[in-house]
Amino acid sequence: MNSKTISVHSTALVATSQIGDGTRIWAFVNILEGARIGAQCNICDHCFIENDVLIGNHVTLKCGIYLWDGITIEDNAFIGPNVVFTNDVRPRSQQYKMAERTHIGMGASLGANSTLLAGVTIGKYAMTGIASVVTRDVPDYALVYGNPAKQHGWVDKEGNKLVKVSDGKWKSIHDEYFIENNGILTPQ
């Protein structure tokens, strides 16, 4: 770890050396030895990151995030305060199993206090609303919220809600067009 390009608060416990340039790690963070963290990340107060965790570049983890083994977060994702990642769909005390693989796509945003069932995939640029309970995979660009989280529209890369132009055709506020086909949205 190069202390000239990485900022680590004096109360943080950082055992990994796999941290990219420009990453900032704030107070009372605990990062285990096997974790891999990209460049220009911001890891806020009171976060915990286990060994088998991969975090891309330009990721923001707000306060109170615990990342368990098996979690991958791609570049430019935003994880809001107190988002809960679960790591076992059938937990029992002192019965340890292989971690479920949870995947957060590029540019996705998870709203504060969202809870994710172990093993779900959040698609690229998808967004969960505040306090959503995500029990199923979320497609790219989807906007989901509620308990359980259900899709309530589509968003663009900036998180702006798309407007339906016609059957299967959506438009952003920047006049970018998207085509929806069988629940999959692709930029045109």
C-alpha atoms as a PDB file:
ATOM      1  CA  MET A   1       0.000   0.000   0.000  1.00  0.00           C
ATOM      2  CA  ASN A   2       1.450   3.375  -1.021  1.00  0.00           C
ATOM      3  CA  SER A   3       0.552   5.809   1.760  1.00  0.00           C
ATOM      4  CA  LYS A   4       1.335   8.817  -0.488  1.00  0.00           C
ATOM      5  CA  THR A   5      -1.615   8.120  -2.795  1.00  0.00           C
ATOM      6  CA  ILE A   6      -4.029   6.429  -0.390  1.00  0.00           C
ATOM      7  CA  SER A   7      -5.642   8.211   2.531  1.00  0.00           C
ATOM      8  CA  VAL A   8      -6.274   5.999   5.580  1.00  0.00           C
ATOM      9  CA  HIS A   9      -7.732   7.447   8.778  1.00  0.00           C
ATOM     10  CA  SER A  10      -5.715   6.681  11.924  1.00  0.00           C
ATOM     11  CA  THR A  11      -8.568   4.610  13.432  1.00  0.00           C
ATOM     12  CA  ALA A  12      -8.971   2.360  10.366  1.00  0.00           C
ATOM     13  CA  LEU A  13      -7.687  -1.236  10.365  1.00  0.00           C
ATOM     14  CA  VAL A  14      -6.454  -2.034   6.865  1.00  0.00           C
ATOM     15  CA  ALA A  15      -4.841  -5.453   6.364  1.00  0.00           C
ATOM     16  CA  THR A  16      -4.937  -5.541   2.547  1.00  0.00           C
ATOM     17  CA  SER A  17      -2.244  -4.074   0.328  1.00  0.00           C
ATOM     18  CA  GLN A  18      -4.491  -4.292  -2.751  1.00  0.00           C
ATOM     19  CA  ILE A  19      -5.869  -0.748  -2.818  1.00  0.00           C
ATOM     20  CA  GLY A  20      -5.794   1.526  -5.857  1.00  0.00           C
ATOM     21  CA  ASP A  21      -4.386   5.042  -6.031  1.00  0.00           C
ATOM     22  CA  GLY A  22      -6.443   7.884  -4.632  1.00  0.00           C
ATOM     23  CA  THR A  23      -8.732   5.738  -2.483  1.00  0.00           C
ATOM     24  CA  ARG A  24      -9.852   7.299   0.806  1.00  0.00           C
ATOM     25  CA  ILE A  25     -10.612   5.176   3.862  1.00  0.00           C
ATOM     26  CA  TRP A  26     -12.294   6.957   6.752  1.00  0.00           C
ATOM     27  CA  ALA A  27     -12.693   6.361  10.505  1.00  0.00           C
ATOM     28  CA  PHE A  28     -13.397   2.977  12.098  1.00  0.00           C
ATOM     29  CA  VAL A  29     -13.157   0.992   8.867  1.00  0.00           C
ATOM     30  CA  ASN A  30     -11.914  -2.619   8.998  1.00  0.00           C
ATOM     31  CA  ILE A  31     -10.633  -4.195   5.766  1.00  0.00           C
ATOM     32  CA  LEU A  32      -9.362  -7.789   5.802  1.00  0.00           C
ATOM     33  CA  GLU A  33      -6.219  -9.005   4.044  1.00  0.00           C
ATOM     34  CA  GLY A  34      -7.740 -10.587   0.929  1.00  0.00           C
ATOM     35  CA  ALA A  35     -10.000  -7.678  -0.092  1.00  0.00           C
ATOM     36  CA  ARG A  36      -9.229  -5.941  -3.392  1.00  0.00           C
ATOM     37  CA  ILE A  37     -10.201  -2.287  -3.763  1.00  0.00           C
ATOM     38  CA  GLY A  38      -9.849  -0.154  -6.884  1.00  0.00           C
ATOM     39  CA  ALA A  39      -8.649   3.403  -7.418  1.00  0.00           C
ATOM     40  CA  GLN A  40     -10.416   6.598  -6.400  1.00  0.00           C
ATOM     41  CA  CYS A  41     -12.844   4.849  -4.041  1.00  0.00           C
ATOM     42  CA  ASN A  42     -14.404   6.514  -1.008  1.00  0.00           C
ATOM     43  CA  ILE A  43     -15.006   4.184   1.944  1.00  0.00           C
ATOM     44  CA  CYS A  44     -16.819   6.101   4.673  1.00  0.00           C
ATOM     45  CA  ASP A  45     -16.937   5.565   8.454  1.00  0.00           C
ATOM     46  CA  HIS A  46     -17.860   2.262  10.093  1.00  0.00           C
ATOM     47  CA  CYS A  47     -17.487  -0.057   7.090  1.00  0.00           C
ATOM     48  CA  PHE A  48     -16.277  -3.670   7.214  1.00  0.00           C
ATOM     49  CA  ILE A  49     -14.888  -5.535   4.195  1.00  0.00           C
ATOM     50  CA  GLU A  50     -14.141  -9.285   4.268  1.00  0.00           C
ATOM     51  CA  ASN A  51     -11.456 -11.188   2.320  1.00  0.00           C
ATOM     52  CA  ASP A  52     -13.301 -12.380  -0.798  1.00  0.00           C
ATOM     53  CA  VAL A  53     -14.583  -8.946  -1.819  1.00  0.00           C
ATOM     54  CA  LEU A  54     -13.748  -7.150  -5.050  1.00  0.00           C
ATOM     55  CA  ILE A  55     -14.460  -3.419  -5.362  1.00  0.00           C
ATOM     56  CA  GLY A  56     -13.900  -1.642  -8.671  1.00  0.00           C
ATOM     57  CA  ASN A  57     -12.732   1.923  -9.326  1.00  0.00           C
ATOM     58  CA  HIS A  58     -14.611   5.089  -8.302  1.00  0.00           C
ATOM     59  CA  VAL A  59     -16.922   3.214  -5.910  1.00  0.00           C
ATOM     60  CA  THR A  60     -18.541   5.015  -2.981  1.00  0.00           C
ATOM     61  CA  LEU A  61     -19.434   3.105   0.172  1.00  0.00           C
ATOM     62  CA  LYS A  62     -21.328   5.382   2.534  1.00  0.00           C
ATOM     63  CA  CYS A  63     -21.304   4.827   6.316  1.00  0.00           C
ATOM     64  CA  GLY A  64     -22.282   1.516   7.896  1.00  0.00           C
ATOM     65  CA  ILE A  65     -21.669  -0.897   5.001  1.00  0.00           C
ATOM     66  CA  TYR A  66     -20.578  -4.496   5.708  1.00  0.00           C
ATOM     67  CA  LEU A  67     -19.316  -6.424   2.688  1.00  0.00           C
ATOM     68  CA  TRP A  68     -19.162 -10.177   3.209  1.00  0.00           C
ATOM     69  CA  ASP A  69     -17.186 -12.772   1.249  1.00  0.00           C
ATOM     70  CA  GLY A  70     -18.583 -13.286  -2.252  1.00  0.00           C
ATOM     71  CA  ILE A  71     -19.469  -9.667  -3.080  1.00  0.00           C
ATOM     72  CA  THR A  72     -18.281  -7.938  -6.256  1.00  0.00           C
ATOM     73  CA  ILE A  73     -18.966  -4.246  -6.855  1.00  0.00           C
ATOM     74  CA  GLU A  74     -18.114  -2.897 -10.309  1.00  0.00           C
ATOM     75  CA  ASP A  75     -16.778   0.561 -11.216  1.00  0.00           C
ATOM     76  CA  ASN A  76     -18.700   3.741 -10.379  1.00  0.00           C
ATOM     77  CA  ALA A  77     -21.257   2.052  -8.123  1.00  0.00           C
ATOM     78  CA  PHE A  78     -22.798   3.953  -5.216  1.00  0.00           C
ATOM     79  CA  ILE A  79     -23.767   2.087  -2.038  1.00  0.00           C
ATOM     80  CA  GLY A  80     -25.928   4.318   0.190  1.00  0.00           C
ATOM     81  CA  PRO A  81     -25.709   4.535   3.978  1.00  0.00           C
ATOM     82  CA  ASN A  82     -26.545   1.388   5.930  1.00  0.00           C
ATOM     83  CA  VAL A  83     -27.254  -0.808   2.910  1.00  0.00           C
ATOM     84  CA  VAL A  84     -27.421  -4.393   4.183  1.00  0.00           C
ATOM     85  CA  PHE A  85     -25.796  -7.241   2.270  1.00  0.00           C
ATOM     86  CA  THR A  86     -26.744 -10.711   3.495  1.00  0.00           C
ATOM     87  CA  ASN A  87     -24.369 -13.598   2.933  1.00  0.00           C
ATOM     88  CA  ASP A  88     -26.381 -16.729   3.668  1.00  0.00           C
ATOM     89  CA  VAL A  89     -29.993 -17.415   2.662  1.00  0.00           C
ATOM     90  CA  ARG A  90     -30.382 -20.047   5.425  1.00  0.00           C
ATOM     91  CA  PRO A  91     -28.070 -19.018   8.267  1.00  0.00           C
ATOM     92  CA  ARG A  92     -27.434 -21.109  11.353  1.00  0.00           C
ATOM     93  CA  SER A  93     -25.095 -20.300  14.208  1.00  0.00           C
ATOM     94  CA  GLN A  94     -21.567 -21.617  13.646  1.00  0.00           C
ATOM     95  CA  GLN A  95     -22.503 -23.520  10.479  1.00  0.00           C
ATOM     96  CA  TYR A  96     -20.356 -21.978   7.769  1.00  0.00           C
ATOM     97  CA  LYS A  97     -21.034 -22.564   4.088  1.00  0.00           C
ATOM     98  CA  MET A  98     -19.636 -21.312   0.803  1.00  0.00           C
ATOM     99  CA  ALA A  99     -20.606 -17.647   0.428  1.00  0.00           C
ATOM    100  CA  GLU A 100     -23.352 -16.770  -2.044  1.00  0.00           C
ATOM    101  CA  ARG A 101     -22.038 -14.596  -4.920  1.00  0.00           C
ATOM    102  CA  THR A 102     -23.620 -11.129  -4.972  1.00  0.00           C
ATOM    103  CA  HIS A 103     -22.840  -8.841  -7.898  1.00  0.00           C
ATOM    104  CA  ILE A 104     -23.382  -5.081  -8.181  1.00  0.00           C
ATOM    105  CA  GLY A 105     -23.073  -3.833 -11.769  1.00  0.00           C
ATOM    106  CA  MET A 106     -21.215  -0.829 -13.117  1.00  0.00           C
ATOM    107  CA  GLY A 107     -22.773   2.498 -12.158  1.00  0.00           C
ATOM    108  CA  ALA A 108     -25.531   0.946 -10.031  1.00  0.00           C
ATOM    109  CA  SER A 109     -26.895   2.893  -7.045  1.00  0.00           C
ATOM    110  CA  LEU A 110     -28.300   1.284  -3.917  1.00  0.00           C
ATOM    111  CA  GLY A 111     -30.526   3.558  -1.834  1.00  0.00           C
ATOM    112  CA  ALA A 112     -29.998   4.018   1.897  1.00  0.00           C
ATOM    113  CA  ASN A 113     -31.109   1.110   4.070  1.00  0.00           C
ATOM    114  CA  SER A 114     -31.771  -1.213   1.133  1.00  0.00           C
ATOM    115  CA  THR A 115     -31.400  -4.898   2.015  1.00  0.00           C
ATOM    116  CA  LEU A 116     -30.094  -7.405  -0.545  1.00  0.00           C
ATOM    117  CA  LEU A 117     -30.683 -11.132  -0.387  1.00  0.00           C
ATOM    118  CA  ALA A 118     -27.448 -13.078  -0.803  1.00  0.00           C
ATOM    119  CA  GLY A 119     -26.793 -14.122  -4.381  1.00  0.00           C
ATOM    120  CA  VAL A 120     -28.678 -11.374  -6.223  1.00  0.00           C
ATOM    121  CA  THR A 121     -27.281  -9.444  -9.169  1.00  0.00           C
ATOM    122  CA  ILE A 122     -27.959  -5.736  -9.544  1.00  0.00           C
ATOM    123  CA  GLY A 123     -27.560  -4.754 -13.200  1.00  0.00           C
ATOM    124  CA  LYS A 124     -25.483  -1.886 -14.530  1.00  0.00           C
ATOM    125  CA  TYR A 125     -26.898   1.583 -13.844  1.00  0.00           C
ATOM    126  CA  ALA A 126     -29.835   0.045 -11.950  1.00  0.00           C
ATOM    127  CA  MET A 127     -31.169   1.850  -8.904  1.00  0.00           C
ATOM    128  CA  THR A 128     -32.849   0.704  -5.699  1.00  0.00           C
ATOM    129  CA  GLY A 129     -35.030   3.119  -3.753  1.00  0.00           C
ATOM    130  CA  ILE A 130     -34.550   3.863  -0.087  1.00  0.00           C
ATOM    131  CA  ALA A 131     -35.241   0.890   2.219  1.00  0.00           C
ATOM    132  CA  SER A 132     -35.934  -1.532  -0.639  1.00  0.00           C
ATOM    133  CA  VAL A 133     -35.817  -5.253   0.110  1.00  0.00           C
ATOM    134  CA  VAL A 134     -34.213  -6.827  -2.962  1.00  0.00           C
ATOM    135  CA  THR A 135     -34.947 -10.555  -3.206  1.00  0.00           C
ATOM    136  CA  ARG A 136     -34.465 -11.030  -6.975  1.00  0.00           C
ATOM    137  CA  ASP A 137     -32.009  -9.988  -9.671  1.00  0.00           C
ATOM    138  CA  VAL A 138     -32.461  -6.443 -10.973  1.00  0.00           C
ATOM    139  CA  PRO A 139     -32.000  -5.808 -14.729  1.00  0.00           C
ATOM    140  CA  ASP A 140     -29.675  -3.163 -16.173  1.00  0.00           C
ATOM    141  CA  TYR A 141     -31.163   0.372 -15.933  1.00  0.00           C
ATOM    142  CA  ALA A 142     -34.123  -0.799 -13.792  1.00  0.00           C
ATOM    143  CA  LEU A 143     -35.582   1.327 -11.004  1.00  0.00           C
ATOM    144  CA  VAL A 144     -36.839  -0.871  -8.161  1.00  0.00           C
ATOM    145  CA  TYR A 145     -38.257  -0.080  -4.745  1.00  0.00           C
ATOM    146  CA  GLY A 146     -40.545  -1.433  -2.066  1.00  0.00           C
ATOM    147  CA  ASN A 147     -40.758  -4.519   0.124  1.00  0.00           C
ATOM    148  CA  PRO A 148     -40.255  -6.731  -1.737  1.00  0.00           C
ATOM    149  CA  ALA A 149     -38.638  -4.510  -4.360  1.00  0.00           C
ATOM    150  CA  LYS A 150     -40.519  -4.358  -7.653  1.00  0.00           C
ATOM    151  CA  GLN A 151     -39.659  -2.549 -10.848  1.00  0.00           C
ATOM    152  CA  HIS A 152     -41.263   0.887 -11.229  1.00  0.00           C
ATOM    153  CA  GLY A 153     -39.555   2.077 -14.395  1.00  0.00           C
ATOM    154  CA  TRP A 154     -36.187   2.603 -15.995  1.00  0.00           C
ATOM    155  CA  VAL A 155     -33.357   5.080 -15.383  1.00  0.00           C
ATOM    156  CA  ASP A 156     -30.472   6.393 -17.472  1.00  0.00           C
ATOM    157  CA  LYS A 157     -26.781   6.369 -16.485  1.00  0.00           C
ATOM    158  CA  GLU A 158     -27.342   9.477 -14.335  1.00  0.00           C
ATOM    159  CA  GLY A 159     -30.326   7.987 -12.503  1.00  0.00           C
ATOM    160  CA  ASN A 160     -32.953  10.097 -14.300  1.00  0.00           C
ATOM    161  CA  LYS A 161     -36.246   8.278 -14.827  1.00  0.00           C
ATOM    162  CA  LEU A 162     -36.935   7.425 -18.470  1.00  0.00           C
ATOM    163  CA  VAL A 163     -40.166   8.398 -20.223  1.00  0.00           C
ATOM    164  CA  LYS A 164     -42.055   5.932 -22.392  1.00  0.00           C
ATOM    165  CA  VAL A 165     -42.248   7.185 -25.988  1.00  0.00           C
ATOM    166  CA  SER A 166     -44.068   4.217 -27.511  1.00  0.00           C
ATOM    167  CA  ASP A 167     -44.337   0.458 -27.035  1.00  0.00           C
ATOM    168  CA  GLY A 168     -40.830  -0.728 -26.258  1.00  0.00           C
ATOM    169  CA  LYS A 169     -39.204   2.679 -26.722  1.00  0.00           C
ATOM    170  CA  TRP A 170     -37.983   4.928 -23.890  1.00  0.00           C
ATOM    171  CA  LYS A 171     -36.288   8.341 -23.793  1.00  0.00           C
ATOM    172  CA  SER A 172     -34.028  10.122 -21.288  1.00  0.00           C
ATOM    173  CA  ILE A 173     -34.078  13.829 -20.455  1.00  0.00           C
ATOM    174  CA  HIS A 174     -30.973  14.104 -22.656  1.00  0.00           C
ATOM    175  CA  ASP A 175     -32.853  12.734 -25.702  1.00  0.00           C
ATOM    176  CA  GLU A 176     -31.083   9.386 -25.523  1.00  0.00           C
ATOM    177  CA  TYR A 177     -33.267   6.500 -26.645  1.00  0.00           C
ATOM    178  CA  PHE A 178     -33.553   2.989 -25.267  1.00  0.00           C
ATOM    179  CA  ILE A 179     -35.316  -0.110 -26.562  1.00  0.00           C
ATOM    180  CA  GLU A 180     -37.096  -2.509 -24.200  1.00  0.00           C
ATOM    181  CA  ASN A 181     -37.440  -6.106 -25.319  1.00  0.00           C
ATOM    182  CA  ASN A 182     -38.646  -8.889 -22.989  1.00  0.00           C
ATOM    183  CA  GLY A 183     -37.746  -6.949 -19.850  1.00  0.00           C
ATOM    184  CA  ILE A 184     -34.266  -5.989 -21.075  1.00  0.00           C
ATOM    185  CA  LEU A 185     -33.408  -2.355 -21.805  1.00  0.00           C
ATOM    186  CA  THR A 186     -30.611  -1.449 -24.236  1.00  0.00           C
ATOM    187  CA  PRO A 187     -29.386   1.953 -25.400  1.00  0.00           C
ATOM    188  CA  GLN A 188     -30.250   2.649 -29.021  1.00  0.00           C
END
